[in-house]
PDB file of N, CA and C in Angstrom:
ATOM      1  N   UNK A   1      -8.985  14.882  15.576  1.00  0.00           N
ATOM      2  CA  UNK A   1      -8.848  13.468  15.294  1.00  0.00           C
ATOM      3  C   UNK A   1      -8.728  12.708  16.613  1.00  0.00           C
ATOM      4  N   UNK A   2      -9.404  11.615  16.673  1.00  0.00           N
ATOM      5  CA  UNK A   2      -9.319  10.773  17.865  1.00  0.00           C
ATOM      6  C   UNK A   2      -8.100   9.864  17.785  1.00  0.00           C
ATOM      7  N   UNK A   3      -7.709   9.332  18.919  1.00  0.00           N
ATOM      8  CA  UNK A   3      -6.572   8.419  18.971  1.00  0.00           C
ATOM      9  C   UNK A   3      -6.840   7.193  18.103  1.00  0.00           C
ATOM     10  N   UNK A   4      -8.079   6.733  18.093  1.00  0.00           N
ATOM     11  CA  UNK A   4      -8.446   5.560  17.297  1.00  0.00           C
ATOM     12  C   UNK A   4      -8.232   5.811  15.804  1.00  0.00           C
ATOM     13  N   UNK A   5      -8.639   6.979  15.321  1.00  0.00           N
ATOM     14  CA  UNK A   5      -8.477   7.271  13.887  1.00  0.00           C
ATOM     15  C   UNK A   5      -6.997   7.447  13.534  1.00  0.00           C
ATOM     16  N   UNK A   6      -6.214   7.999  14.447  1.00  0.00           N
ATOM     17  CA  UNK A   6      -4.780   8.151  14.205  1.00  0.00           C
ATOM     18  C   UNK A   6      -4.115   6.782  14.122  1.00  0.00           C
ATOM     19  N   UNK A   7      -4.467   5.894  15.037  1.00  0.00           N
ATOM     20  CA  UNK A   7      -3.892   4.546  15.027  1.00  0.00           C
ATOM     21  C   UNK A   7      -4.324   3.763  13.795  1.00  0.00           C
ATOM     22  N   UNK A   8      -5.570   3.919  13.366  1.00  0.00           N
ATOM     23  CA  UNK A   8      -6.033   3.245  12.152  1.00  0.00           C
ATOM     24  C   UNK A   8      -5.305   3.767  10.918  1.00  0.00           C
ATOM     25  N   UNK A   9      -5.026   5.065  10.883  1.00  0.00           N
ATOM     26  CA  UNK A   9      -4.272   5.644   9.780  1.00  0.00           C
ATOM     27  C   UNK A   9      -2.852   5.076   9.754  1.00  0.00           C
ATOM     28  N   UNK A  10      -2.232   4.987  10.922  1.00  0.00           N
ATOM     29  CA  UNK A  10      -0.885   4.420  11.015  1.00  0.00           C
ATOM     30  C   UNK A  10      -0.883   2.945  10.611  1.00  0.00           C
ATOM     31  N   UNK A  11      -1.903   2.220  11.020  1.00  0.00           N
ATOM     32  CA  UNK A  11      -2.016   0.797  10.677  1.00  0.00           C
ATOM     33  C   UNK A  11      -2.132   0.616   9.164  1.00  0.00           C
ATOM     34  N   UNK A  12      -2.918   1.454   8.507  1.00  0.00           N
ATOM     35  CA  UNK A  12      -3.061   1.325   7.052  1.00  0.00           C
ATOM     36  C   UNK A  12      -1.756   1.696   6.353  1.00  0.00           C
ATOM     37  N   UNK A  13      -1.012   2.652   6.905  1.00  0.00           N
ATOM     38  CA  UNK A  13       0.278   3.002   6.342  1.00  0.00           C
ATOM     39  C   UNK A  13       1.275   1.868   6.447  1.00  0.00           C
ATOM     40  N   UNK A  14       1.276   1.185   7.582  1.00  0.00           N
ATOM     41  CA  UNK A  14       2.161   0.034   7.762  1.00  0.00           C
ATOM     42  C   UNK A  14       1.775  -1.112   6.827  1.00  0.00           C
ATOM     43  N   UNK A  15       0.486  -1.331   6.650  1.00  0.00           N
ATOM     44  CA  UNK A  15       0.023  -2.386   5.737  1.00  0.00           C
ATOM     45  C   UNK A  15       0.425  -2.055   4.296  1.00  0.00           C
ATOM     46  N   UNK A  16       0.344  -0.778   3.927  1.00  0.00           N
ATOM     47  CA  UNK A  16       0.751  -0.364   2.580  1.00  0.00           C
ATOM     48  C   UNK A  16       2.248  -0.570   2.392  1.00  0.00           C
ATOM     49  N   UNK A  17       3.021  -0.241   3.400  1.00  0.00           N
ATOM     50  CA  UNK A  17       4.468  -0.440   3.340  1.00  0.00           C
ATOM     51  C   UNK A  17       4.808  -1.920   3.218  1.00  0.00           C
ATOM     52  N   UNK A  18       4.092  -2.759   3.959  1.00  0.00           N
ATOM     53  CA  UNK A  18       4.315  -4.198   3.893  1.00  0.00           C
ATOM     54  C   UNK A  18       3.993  -4.734   2.498  1.00  0.00           C
ATOM     55  N   UNK A  19       2.915  -4.255   1.900  1.00  0.00           N
ATOM     56  CA  UNK A  19       2.559  -4.691   0.546  1.00  0.00           C
ATOM     57  C   UNK A  19       3.655  -4.306  -0.445  1.00  0.00           C
ATOM     58  N   UNK A  20       4.220  -3.118  -0.283  1.00  0.00           N
ATOM     59  CA  UNK A  20       5.303  -2.693  -1.153  1.00  0.00           C
ATOM     60  C   UNK A  20       6.545  -3.552  -0.978  1.00  0.00           C
ATOM     61  N   UNK A  21       6.893  -3.865   0.255  1.00  0.00           N
ATOM     62  CA  UNK A  21       8.072  -4.688   0.523  1.00  0.00           C
ATOM     63  C   UNK A  21       7.889  -6.108  -0.014  1.00  0.00           C
ATOM     64  N   UNK A  22       6.683  -6.657   0.097  1.00  0.00           N
ATOM     65  CA  UNK A  22       6.416  -7.994  -0.439  1.00  0.00           C
ATOM     66  C   UNK A  22       6.568  -8.003  -1.958  1.00  0.00           C
ATOM     67  N   UNK A  23       6.116  -6.945  -2.606  1.00  0.00           N
ATOM     68  CA  UNK A  23       6.232  -6.853  -4.055  1.00  0.00           C
ATOM     69  C   UNK A  23       7.690  -6.739  -4.484  1.00  0.00           C
ATOM     70  N   UNK A  24       8.459  -5.922  -3.772  1.00  0.00           N
ATOM     71  CA  UNK A  24       9.885  -5.790  -4.069  1.00  0.00           C
ATOM     72  C   UNK A  24      10.580  -7.134  -3.891  1.00  0.00           C
ATOM     73  N   UNK A  25      10.251  -7.832  -2.818  1.00  0.00           N
ATOM     74  CA  UNK A  25      10.842  -9.144  -2.541  1.00  0.00           C
ATOM     75  C   UNK A  25      10.534 -10.134  -3.656  1.00  0.00           C
ATOM     76  N   UNK A  26       9.301 -10.145  -4.117  1.00  0.00           N
ATOM     77  CA  UNK A  26       8.905 -11.038  -5.210  1.00  0.00           C
ATOM     78  C   UNK A  26       9.649 -10.686  -6.491  1.00  0.00           C
ATOM     79  N   UNK A  27       9.779  -9.390  -6.778  1.00  0.00           N
ATOM     80  CA  UNK A  27      10.491  -8.960  -7.986  1.00  0.00           C
ATOM     81  C   UNK A  27      11.963  -9.364  -7.933  1.00  0.00           C
ATOM     82  N   UNK A  28      12.588  -9.223  -6.767  1.00  0.00           N
ATOM     83  CA  UNK A  28      13.998  -9.611  -6.627  1.00  0.00           C
ATOM     84  C   UNK A  28      14.159 -11.119  -6.761  1.00  0.00           C
ATOM     85  N   UNK A  29      13.244 -11.877  -6.143  1.00  0.00           N
ATOM     86  CA  UNK A  29      13.332 -13.336  -6.198  1.00  0.00           C
ATOM     87  C   UNK A  29      13.165 -13.865  -7.615  1.00  0.00           C
ATOM     88  N   UNK A  30      12.444 -13.152  -8.464  1.00  0.00           N
ATOM     89  CA  UNK A  30      12.161 -13.627  -9.814  1.00  0.00           C
ATOM     90  C   UNK A  30      12.944 -12.895 -10.892  1.00  0.00           C
ATOM     91  N   UNK A  31      14.003 -12.181 -10.504  1.00  0.00           N
ATOM     92  CA  UNK A  31      14.750 -11.387 -11.480  1.00  0.00           C
ATOM     93  C   UNK A  31      15.352 -12.255 -12.581  1.00  0.00           C
ATOM     94  N   UNK A  32      15.701 -13.497 -12.283  1.00  0.00           N
ATOM     95  CA  UNK A  32      16.303 -14.358 -13.294  1.00  0.00           C
ATOM     96  C   UNK A  32      15.325 -15.288 -13.982  1.00  0.00           C
ATOM     97  N   UNK A  33      14.048 -15.186 -13.677  1.00  0.00           N
ATOM     98  CA  UNK A  33      13.039 -16.063 -14.256  1.00  0.00           C
ATOM     99  C   UNK A  33      12.626 -15.542 -15.631  1.00  0.00           C
ATOM    100  N   UNK A  34      12.790 -16.399 -16.618  1.00  0.00           N
ATOM    101  CA  UNK A  34      12.420 -16.015 -17.988  1.00  0.00           C
ATOM    102  C   UNK A  34      10.915 -15.775 -18.079  1.00  0.00           C
ATOM    103  N   UNK A  35      10.516 -14.679 -18.684  1.00  0.00           N
ATOM    104  CA  UNK A  35       9.104 -14.379 -18.888  1.00  0.00           C
ATOM    105  C   UNK A  35       8.421 -13.722 -17.701  1.00  0.00           C
ATOM    106  N   UNK A  36       9.143 -13.513 -16.604  1.00  0.00           N
ATOM    107  CA  UNK A  36       8.522 -12.883 -15.432  1.00  0.00           C
ATOM    108  C   UNK A  36       8.336 -11.399 -15.692  1.00  0.00           C
ATOM    109  N   UNK A  37       7.161 -10.900 -15.410  1.00  0.00           N
ATOM    110  CA  UNK A  37       6.870  -9.468 -15.559  1.00  0.00           C
ATOM    111  C   UNK A  37       6.904  -8.816 -14.182  1.00  0.00           C
ATOM    112  N   UNK A  38       7.646  -7.748 -14.071  1.00  0.00           N
ATOM    113  CA  UNK A  38       7.779  -7.028 -12.800  1.00  0.00           C
ATOM    114  C   UNK A  38       6.419  -6.565 -12.304  1.00  0.00           C
ATOM    115  N   UNK A  39       6.182  -6.702 -11.009  1.00  0.00           N
ATOM    116  CA  UNK A  39       4.936  -6.269 -10.388  1.00  0.00           C
ATOM    117  C   UNK A  39       5.123  -4.891  -9.762  1.00  0.00           C
ATOM    118  N   UNK A  40       4.039  -4.148  -9.669  1.00  0.00           N
ATOM    119  CA  UNK A  40       4.061  -2.841  -9.017  1.00  0.00           C
ATOM    120  C   UNK A  40       2.916  -2.750  -8.019  1.00  0.00           C
ATOM    121  N   UNK A  41       3.021  -1.806  -7.104  1.00  0.00           N
ATOM    122  CA  UNK A  41       1.970  -1.568  -6.117  1.00  0.00           C
ATOM    123  C   UNK A  41       1.468  -0.140  -6.305  1.00  0.00           C
ATOM    124  N   UNK A  42       0.178   0.008  -6.402  1.00  0.00           N
ATOM    125  CA  UNK A  42      -0.430   1.325  -6.514  1.00  0.00           C
ATOM    126  C   UNK A  42      -0.908   1.760  -5.128  1.00  0.00           C
ATOM    127  N   UNK A  43      -0.491   2.945  -4.688  1.00  0.00           N
ATOM    128  CA  UNK A  43      -0.896   3.467  -3.382  1.00  0.00           C
ATOM    129  C   UNK A  43      -1.467   4.860  -3.554  1.00  0.00           C
ATOM    130  N   UNK A  44      -2.487   5.167  -2.767  1.00  0.00           N
ATOM    131  CA  UNK A  44      -3.063   6.505  -2.779  1.00  0.00           C
ATOM    132  C   UNK A  44      -3.596   6.839  -1.393  1.00  0.00           C
ATOM    133  N   UNK A  45      -3.789   8.105  -1.143  1.00  0.00           N
ATOM    134  CA  UNK A  45      -4.318   8.545   0.147  1.00  0.00           C
ATOM    135  C   UNK A  45      -5.815   8.278   0.212  1.00  0.00           C
ATOM    136  N   UNK A  46      -6.262   7.858   1.384  1.00  0.00           N
ATOM    137  CA  UNK A  46      -7.687   7.684   1.636  1.00  0.00           C
ATOM    138  C   UNK A  46      -8.170   8.963   2.327  1.00  0.00           C
ATOM    139  N   UNK A  47      -9.114   9.642   1.702  1.00  0.00           N
ATOM    140  CA  UNK A  47      -9.585  10.923   2.228  1.00  0.00           C
ATOM    141  C   UNK A  47     -11.086  10.855   2.488  1.00  0.00           C
ATOM    142  N   UNK A  48     -11.480  11.252   3.700  1.00  0.00           N
ATOM    143  CA  UNK A  48     -12.896  11.291   4.072  1.00  0.00           C
ATOM    144  C   UNK A  48     -13.172  12.623   4.765  1.00  0.00           C
ATOM    145  N   UNK A  49     -14.091  13.369   4.244  1.00  0.00           N
ATOM    146  CA  UNK A  49     -14.446  14.644   4.847  1.00  0.00           C
ATOM    147  C   UNK A  49     -13.307  15.653   4.861  1.00  0.00           C
ATOM    148  N   UNK A  50     -12.424  15.567   3.882  1.00  0.00           N
ATOM    149  CA  UNK A  50     -11.305  16.485   3.807  1.00  0.00           C
ATOM    150  C   UNK A  50     -10.120  16.093   4.662  1.00  0.00           C
ATOM    151  N   UNK A  51     -10.223  14.995   5.403  1.00  0.00           N
ATOM    152  CA  UNK A  51      -9.128  14.518   6.244  1.00  0.00           C
ATOM    153  C   UNK A  51      -8.536  13.242   5.680  1.00  0.00           C
ATOM    154  N   UNK A  52      -7.222  13.136   5.764  1.00  0.00           N
ATOM    155  CA  UNK A  52      -6.561  11.901   5.336  1.00  0.00           C
ATOM    156  C   UNK A  52      -6.815  10.848   6.401  1.00  0.00           C
ATOM    157  N   UNK A  53      -7.357   9.698   5.963  1.00  0.00           N
ATOM    158  CA  UNK A  53      -7.710   8.644   6.922  1.00  0.00           C
ATOM    159  C   UNK A  53      -6.842   7.409   6.779  1.00  0.00           C
ATOM    160  N   UNK A  54      -5.884   7.438   5.877  1.00  0.00           N
ATOM    161  CA  UNK A  54      -4.995   6.288   5.715  1.00  0.00           C
ATOM    162  C   UNK A  54      -4.508   6.161   4.289  1.00  0.00           C
ATOM    163  N   UNK A  55      -4.092   4.947   3.963  1.00  0.00           N
ATOM    164  CA  UNK A  55      -3.530   4.643   2.649  1.00  0.00           C
ATOM    165  C   UNK A  55      -4.339   3.532   2.005  1.00  0.00           C
ATOM    166  N   UNK A  56      -4.619   3.678   0.717  1.00  0.00           N
ATOM    167  CA  UNK A  56      -5.314   2.656  -0.053  1.00  0.00           C
ATOM    168  C   UNK A  56      -4.288   1.972  -0.946  1.00  0.00           C
ATOM    169  N   UNK A  57      -4.229   0.650  -0.858  1.00  0.00           N
ATOM    170  CA  UNK A  57      -3.330  -0.131  -1.721  1.00  0.00           C
ATOM    171  C   UNK A  57      -4.185  -0.711  -2.831  1.00  0.00           C
ATOM    172  N   UNK A  58      -3.765  -0.505  -4.082  1.00  0.00           N
ATOM    173  CA  UNK A  58      -4.557  -0.949  -5.222  1.00  0.00           C
ATOM    174  C   UNK A  58      -5.360   0.216  -5.764  1.00  0.00           C
ATOM    175  N   UNK A  59      -6.341  -0.073  -6.524  1.00  0.00           N
ATOM    176  CA  UNK A  59      -7.162   0.967  -7.124  1.00  0.00           C
ATOM    177  C   UNK A  59      -8.084   1.584  -6.074  1.00  0.00           C
ATOM    178  N   UNK A  60      -8.100   2.913  -5.957  1.00  0.00           N
ATOM    179  CA  UNK A  60      -9.011   3.547  -5.002  1.00  0.00           C
ATOM    180  C   UNK A  60     -10.459   3.388  -5.456  1.00  0.00           C
ATOM    181  N   UNK A  61     -11.388   3.345  -4.509  1.00  0.00           N
ATOM    182  CA  UNK A  61     -12.801   3.216  -4.899  1.00  0.00           C
ATOM    183  C   UNK A  61     -13.273   4.418  -5.707  1.00  0.00           C
ATOM    184  N   UNK A  62     -14.127   4.178  -6.658  1.00  0.00           N
ATOM    185  CA  UNK A  62     -14.619   5.251  -7.542  1.00  0.00           C
ATOM    186  C   UNK A  62     -15.605   6.153  -6.818  1.00  0.00           C
TER     187      UNK A  62
END
Protein backbone atom coordinates (compact mmCIF):
# COMPACT_ATOMS: atom_id res chain seq x y z
CA UNK A 1 0.00 0.00 0.00
CA UNK A 2 1.24 3.45 -0.82
CA UNK A 3 1.24 6.32 1.63
CA UNK A 4 -1.44 8.03 -0.47
CA UNK A 5 -3.84 5.07 -0.22
CA UNK A 6 -3.24 4.80 3.53
CA UNK A 7 -3.99 8.49 4.02
CA UNK A 8 -7.11 8.26 1.85
CA UNK A 9 -8.31 5.30 3.92
CA UNK A 10 -7.74 7.28 7.12
CA UNK A 11 -9.52 10.30 5.64
CA UNK A 12 -12.59 8.22 4.77
CA UNK A 13 -12.60 6.76 8.28
CA UNK A 14 -12.55 10.23 9.80
CA UNK A 15 -15.36 11.37 7.49
CA UNK A 16 -17.42 8.31 8.52
CA UNK A 17 -16.81 9.09 12.19
CA UNK A 18 -17.85 12.70 11.63
CA UNK A 19 -21.08 11.59 9.94
CA UNK A 20 -21.84 9.37 12.93
CA UNK A 21 -21.18 12.16 15.42
CA UNK A 22 -23.39 14.58 13.47
CA UNK A 23 -26.21 12.04 13.51
CA UNK A 24 -25.84 11.46 17.26
CA UNK A 25 -25.84 15.23 17.82
CA UNK A 26 -29.03 15.64 15.78
CA UNK A 27 -30.72 12.79 17.66
CA UNK A 28 -29.80 14.31 21.03
CA UNK A 29 -30.93 17.78 19.98
CA UNK A 30 -34.33 16.44 18.89
CA UNK A 31 -34.96 14.00 21.75
CA UNK A 32 -37.86 16.11 23.05
CA UNK A 33 -39.40 16.91 19.66
CA UNK A 34 -42.77 15.27 19.16
CA UNK A 35 -42.87 13.06 16.06
CA UNK A 36 -39.09 13.07 15.53
CA UNK A 37 -37.78 9.75 14.24
CA UNK A 38 -34.27 8.77 15.31
CA UNK A 39 -31.72 8.77 12.48
CA UNK A 40 -29.05 6.14 11.92
CA UNK A 41 -25.85 5.96 9.88
CA UNK A 42 -24.99 2.92 7.80
CA UNK A 43 -21.25 2.22 7.46
CA UNK A 44 -19.42 -0.51 5.60
CA UNK A 45 -15.89 -1.29 4.47
CA UNK A 46 -14.84 -0.26 0.99
CA UNK A 47 -12.94 -3.15 -0.59
CA UNK A 48 -11.06 -3.07 -3.90
CA UNK A 49 -8.96 -5.95 -5.12
CA UNK A 50 -9.19 -7.72 -1.78
CA UNK A 51 -7.81 -4.70 0.11
CA UNK A 52 -9.75 -2.43 2.42
CA UNK A 53 -9.63 1.05 0.90
CA UNK A 54 -11.74 2.97 3.39
CA UNK A 55 -15.23 3.35 4.78
CA UNK A 56 -18.49 3.85 2.88
CA UNK A 57 -21.18 5.90 4.62
CA UNK A 58 -24.69 5.07 3.43
CA UNK A 59 -25.60 2.28 1.09
CA UNK A 60 -22.58 0.62 -0.55
CA UNK A 61 -22.57 0.56 -4.35
CA UNK A 62 -24.11 -2.56 -5.87
